[in-house]
Structures are given as C-alpha cells and as structure tokens.
C-alpha cells in the first residue's frame, strides 16, 4: 500500500492488500490498457497465504528461477501502465501462481507531487533532451502496443501493427511473451477479463481469499 505523513505505523502489520480487480483505462494517453487495482482484503489471520489474480510491480518477490522462466522484457522501455498485466499473464501462463502476503509489513512511498520529486515520465525527456511528459507519451503509445498484442486486444493484431508500421514492437516476442504451461484463454477466464466488451468481471476466488 501507499503511505503518507498521516498513515498509521505498520508495526505488527495491517491487513494484506490484494490485487483482484482491473479496468480498461479511459485515459487518452493509456490507450485502453488494463489498469490493475485492489480488491477485498482477507481477515489477516489466515493460516496460509491465498492466491491473487495479478502481480504488484511495486512489491514483488519470487525465487530466482522466476527470472529464467519470465525474464524482464527489455523491449518495453519506460513502461509504467501495462507492466503489471504483462508480468501477471506471463507468470501465470509459465506456470507460476501469484500470492499476496496476509499482512502489510512495509509500505510504498509514491512520492506525491507536493514533495517536488521527479516523475518516471520525466526521465525519458531528461535522457533524450526532450523535457516534459510529451516525449514519453509518444514513446509509450508505441511500446504499449506490445502489451496489447500480448493480451490479445482485437485492434492490436499482427496485421494491425504492420499496417501502422509498428511491427518492431514484436521483437523477440516469442522469448518475452506468454508461456506454454497454461493458455492465454485460460488466463482471461481465470481473471474474468472480457476483451470483446472490454470489461473486467468480479473474481470471486480472489476477493473471497479461497484459492490456496
């Protein structure tokens, strides 16, 4: 979870945060990418962790073998929105189950604007000498197509990408795409994502903390 100056101390832990919901973004710069969000919390007194639908990129750990099966994708530079759905579907289709801790023992500082600290989307402009968020927005509009193709968006087929001359986003896709232990249709059913209607359904097993 995030925290601010008014946040309570975490001694002993608060109830664990669980990523169980998603929504197709309506932001002009996010191109309807799936945004991952929290769902219900468990009681915090369970005898063992239970599975969740999505990986939280801000708090994520696994055995080292994970990086053999699901290496970080170098072809999504400065990607922010879309990272979690890509990481989650790649992990799950490679046979990894995703769990949430029963209690929050640490918190994530998101560095709000009032602190005067730089945002991730400003880094791109600084690196390339193009200040402001506009350069990152244009870059993201291309790289995000790699994620949409990975998920299976109807407007991001190989033919669509070639038509827009964006086929470069498929570079080494076989190596950094979904796995072959579980299928993509199974993942979409598992997480109740409907690509035709662009809606995310309620995931009972995740919100009810029932899948061990």
Protein backbone atom coordinates (compact mmCIF):
# COMPACT_ATOMS: atom_id res chain seq x y z
CA UNK A 1 0.00 0.00 0.00
CA UNK A 2 0.99 3.64 -0.26
CA UNK A 3 1.55 5.85 2.76
CA UNK A 4 1.80 9.50 3.69
CA UNK A 5 2.54 11.54 6.76
CA UNK A 6 -0.88 10.71 8.18
CA UNK A 7 -0.58 6.95 7.59
CA UNK A 8 -0.63 4.67 10.64
CA UNK A 9 2.51 2.83 11.73
CA UNK A 10 2.95 -0.68 10.33
CA UNK A 11 4.24 -2.39 13.49
CA UNK A 12 2.54 -5.77 13.55
CA UNK A 13 1.16 -5.32 10.04
CA UNK A 14 -2.16 -4.22 8.61
CA UNK A 15 -4.46 -6.42 6.53
CA UNK A 16 -2.78 -7.54 3.33
CA UNK A 17 -3.52 -5.71 0.10
CA UNK A 18 -4.78 -7.93 -2.74
CA UNK A 19 -4.81 -7.15 -6.47
CA UNK A 20 -8.14 -8.62 -7.57
CA UNK A 21 -9.68 -6.07 -9.93
CA UNK A 22 -8.94 -4.40 -13.24
CA UNK A 23 -10.42 -1.82 -15.58
CA UNK A 24 -9.79 -0.80 -19.18
CA UNK A 25 -8.29 2.68 -18.90
CA UNK A 26 -10.20 5.60 -20.40
CA UNK A 27 -7.17 7.91 -20.28
CA UNK A 28 -6.24 9.47 -23.63
CA UNK A 29 -2.56 8.55 -23.15
CA UNK A 30 -3.07 4.97 -21.91
CA UNK A 31 -4.85 3.55 -24.98
CA UNK A 32 -7.40 1.43 -23.06
CA UNK A 33 -4.66 -0.62 -21.39
CA UNK A 34 -5.73 -2.74 -18.45
CA UNK A 35 -5.16 -0.99 -15.12
CA UNK A 36 -4.78 -3.31 -12.13
CA UNK A 37 -6.31 -2.42 -8.77
CA UNK A 38 -7.06 -3.75 -5.31
CA UNK A 39 -9.98 -5.94 -4.24
CA UNK A 40 -11.24 -7.20 -0.92
CA UNK A 41 -8.85 -7.86 1.94
CA UNK A 42 -8.64 -11.10 3.89
CA UNK A 43 -9.03 -11.15 7.66
CA UNK A 44 -5.25 -11.20 8.11
CA UNK A 45 -5.37 -14.18 10.45
CA UNK A 46 -5.35 -16.97 7.84
CA UNK A 47 -3.02 -19.92 8.37
CA UNK A 48 -1.52 -19.55 4.88
CA UNK A 49 -1.48 -17.02 2.00
CA UNK A 50 -4.04 -17.39 -0.79
CA UNK A 51 -3.73 -16.67 -4.49
CA UNK A 52 -4.47 -13.36 -6.17
CA UNK A 53 -5.02 -12.50 -9.83
CA UNK A 54 -2.21 -10.02 -10.51
CA UNK A 55 1.36 -9.20 -9.57
CA UNK A 56 2.04 -5.88 -7.84
CA UNK A 57 5.12 -4.47 -9.55
CA UNK A 58 5.82 -2.22 -6.55
CA UNK A 59 6.05 -5.15 -4.12
CA UNK A 60 7.09 -8.36 -5.82
CA UNK A 61 9.47 -11.14 -4.91
CA UNK A 62 9.98 -14.72 -6.07
CA UNK A 63 12.56 -17.49 -6.29
CA UNK A 64 15.42 -16.82 -8.69
CA UNK A 65 14.04 -19.40 -11.13
CA UNK A 66 11.30 -16.92 -11.94
CA UNK A 67 13.75 -14.84 -13.96
CA UNK A 68 14.67 -17.89 -16.01
CA UNK A 69 11.03 -18.53 -16.91
CA UNK A 70 9.88 -14.89 -17.04
CA UNK A 71 12.87 -12.60 -17.73
CA UNK A 72 12.20 -8.88 -17.59
CA UNK A 73 11.29 -7.62 -21.06
CA UNK A 74 13.89 -5.13 -22.39
CA UNK A 75 11.59 -4.12 -25.24
CA UNK A 76 9.20 -2.14 -23.05
CA UNK A 77 11.34 0.88 -22.13
CA UNK A 78 9.93 3.30 -19.56
CA UNK A 79 6.72 1.29 -19.43
CA UNK A 80 4.54 2.08 -16.43
CA UNK A 81 0.86 1.44 -17.08
CA UNK A 82 0.60 -2.05 -18.54
CA UNK A 83 3.61 -3.53 -16.74
CA UNK A 84 1.51 -5.42 -14.18
CA UNK A 85 -0.90 -7.08 -16.61
CA UNK A 86 2.04 -8.15 -18.82
CA UNK A 87 4.03 -9.52 -15.89
CA UNK A 88 0.99 -11.29 -14.43
CA UNK A 89 -0.10 -13.05 -17.60
CA UNK A 90 3.45 -14.08 -18.45
CA UNK A 91 3.99 -15.50 -14.97
CA UNK A 92 0.67 -17.36 -14.84
CA UNK A 93 0.98 -18.87 -18.33
CA UNK A 94 4.50 -20.03 -17.44
CA UNK A 95 3.01 -21.99 -14.56
CA UNK A 96 3.60 -19.62 -11.65
CA UNK A 97 0.84 -18.97 -9.11
CA UNK A 98 0.57 -15.47 -7.62
CA UNK A 99 0.10 -14.94 -3.89
CA UNK A 100 -0.41 -11.94 -1.63
CA UNK A 101 1.01 -11.62 1.89
CA UNK A 102 -1.56 -11.88 4.66
CA UNK A 103 -0.31 -8.68 6.28
CA UNK A 104 1.35 -5.47 5.08
CA UNK A 105 4.64 -5.11 6.91
CA UNK A 106 6.11 -2.48 4.60
CA UNK A 107 4.60 0.39 2.59
CA UNK A 108 5.32 2.04 -0.75
CA UNK A 109 6.04 5.77 -0.95
CA UNK A 110 4.67 7.08 -4.24
CA UNK A 111 6.37 10.46 -3.81
CA UNK A 112 3.47 12.83 -4.38
CA UNK A 113 3.93 15.96 -6.44
CA UNK A 114 3.82 18.18 -3.38
CA UNK A 115 7.22 16.75 -2.41
CA UNK A 116 8.70 18.27 -5.57
CA UNK A 117 10.24 15.00 -6.73
CA UNK A 118 10.51 13.93 -10.41
CA UNK A 119 8.06 11.52 -12.01
CA UNK A 120 9.01 8.48 -14.07
CA UNK A 121 7.62 10.02 -17.26
CA UNK A 122 10.06 12.92 -16.92
CA UNK A 123 13.06 10.57 -17.07
CA UNK A 124 12.65 9.89 -20.78
CA UNK A 125 12.78 13.58 -21.64
CA UNK A 126 15.86 14.11 -19.50
CA UNK A 127 17.69 11.20 -21.13
CA UNK A 128 16.94 12.36 -24.67
CA UNK A 129 16.99 16.09 -24.03
CA UNK A 130 13.25 16.41 -24.62
CA UNK A 131 11.81 17.94 -21.42
CA UNK A 132 8.20 17.46 -20.37
CA UNK A 133 5.93 14.40 -20.48
CA UNK A 134 5.13 14.62 -24.22
CA UNK A 135 8.11 12.62 -25.46
CA UNK A 136 7.42 9.76 -23.04
CA UNK A 137 3.74 9.79 -24.04
CA UNK A 138 4.64 9.33 -27.72
CA UNK A 139 7.12 6.54 -26.91
CA UNK A 140 4.57 4.80 -24.67
CA UNK A 141 1.92 4.91 -27.39
CA UNK A 142 4.15 2.57 -29.43
CA UNK A 143 5.54 0.26 -26.75
CA UNK A 144 2.11 -0.24 -25.17
CA UNK A 145 1.08 -1.98 -28.42
CA UNK A 146 3.41 -4.85 -27.43
CA UNK A 147 1.35 -5.41 -24.29
CA UNK A 148 -1.97 -5.11 -26.10
CA UNK A 149 -0.81 -7.68 -28.66
CA UNK A 150 0.30 -9.93 -25.79
CA UNK A 151 -3.10 -9.68 -24.08
CA UNK A 152 -4.99 -10.17 -27.35
CA UNK A 153 -6.71 -6.83 -28.00
CA UNK A 154 -8.78 -7.04 -31.17
CA UNK A 155 -7.20 -3.84 -32.60
CA UNK A 156 -3.62 -4.94 -31.92
CA UNK A 157 -3.21 -7.94 -34.18
CA UNK A 158 -0.01 -8.55 -36.13
CA UNK A 159 -1.75 -7.22 -39.24
CA UNK A 160 -2.80 -4.03 -37.43
CA UNK A 161 0.73 -3.44 -36.18
CA UNK A 162 2.18 -3.96 -39.66
CA UNK A 163 -0.38 -1.57 -41.11
CA UNK A 164 0.79 1.13 -38.67
CA UNK A 165 4.45 0.21 -39.31
CA UNK A 166 4.81 -0.75 -35.64
CA UNK A 167 5.86 -4.37 -36.16
CA UNK A 168 9.10 -3.54 -34.34
CA UNK A 169 7.18 -3.97 -31.06
CA UNK A 170 7.11 -7.72 -31.75
CA UNK A 171 10.91 -8.02 -31.50
CA UNK A 172 11.82 -11.28 -29.71
CA UNK A 173 8.19 -11.67 -28.68
CA UNK A 174 8.45 -15.46 -28.54
CA UNK A 175 11.06 -15.13 -25.79
CA UNK A 176 9.31 -12.42 -23.77
CA UNK A 177 5.68 -13.32 -24.42
CA UNK A 178 3.22 -15.69 -22.71
CA UNK A 179 4.31 -19.16 -21.63
CA UNK A 180 3.07 -22.56 -22.77
CA UNK A 181 2.23 -24.20 -19.43
CA UNK A 182 -1.18 -22.52 -19.32
CA UNK A 183 -3.01 -20.84 -22.18
CA UNK A 184 -3.97 -17.21 -22.67
CA UNK A 185 -7.71 -18.06 -22.97
CA UNK A 186 -7.37 -19.83 -19.60
CA UNK A 187 -5.75 -16.71 -18.10
CA UNK A 188 -8.54 -14.47 -19.37
CA UNK A 189 -11.12 -16.83 -17.88
CA UNK A 190 -9.12 -17.08 -14.64
CA UNK A 191 -9.13 -13.28 -14.28
CA UNK A 192 -12.60 -12.64 -15.80
CA UNK A 193 -11.25 -10.31 -18.50
CA UNK A 194 -13.58 -9.91 -21.49
CA UNK A 195 -11.69 -8.44 -24.45
CA UNK A 196 -14.79 -8.23 -26.64
CA UNK A 197 -16.68 -5.93 -24.30
CA UNK A 198 -13.54 -4.55 -22.62
CA UNK A 199 -14.87 -5.28 -19.17
CA UNK A 200 -13.38 -6.94 -16.10
CA UNK A 201 -15.67 -9.21 -14.12
CA UNK A 202 -15.71 -9.92 -10.40
CA UNK A 203 -13.13 -12.56 -9.44
CA UNK A 204 -14.82 -14.49 -6.63
CA UNK A 205 -11.87 -16.68 -5.66
CA UNK A 206 -9.55 -13.66 -5.37
CA UNK A 207 -11.89 -11.37 -3.46
CA UNK A 208 -13.03 -14.20 -1.17
CA UNK A 209 -9.47 -15.43 -0.49
CA UNK A 210 -10.44 -19.03 -1.27
CA UNK A 211 -7.81 -20.25 -3.77
CA UNK A 212 -4.87 -21.71 -1.84
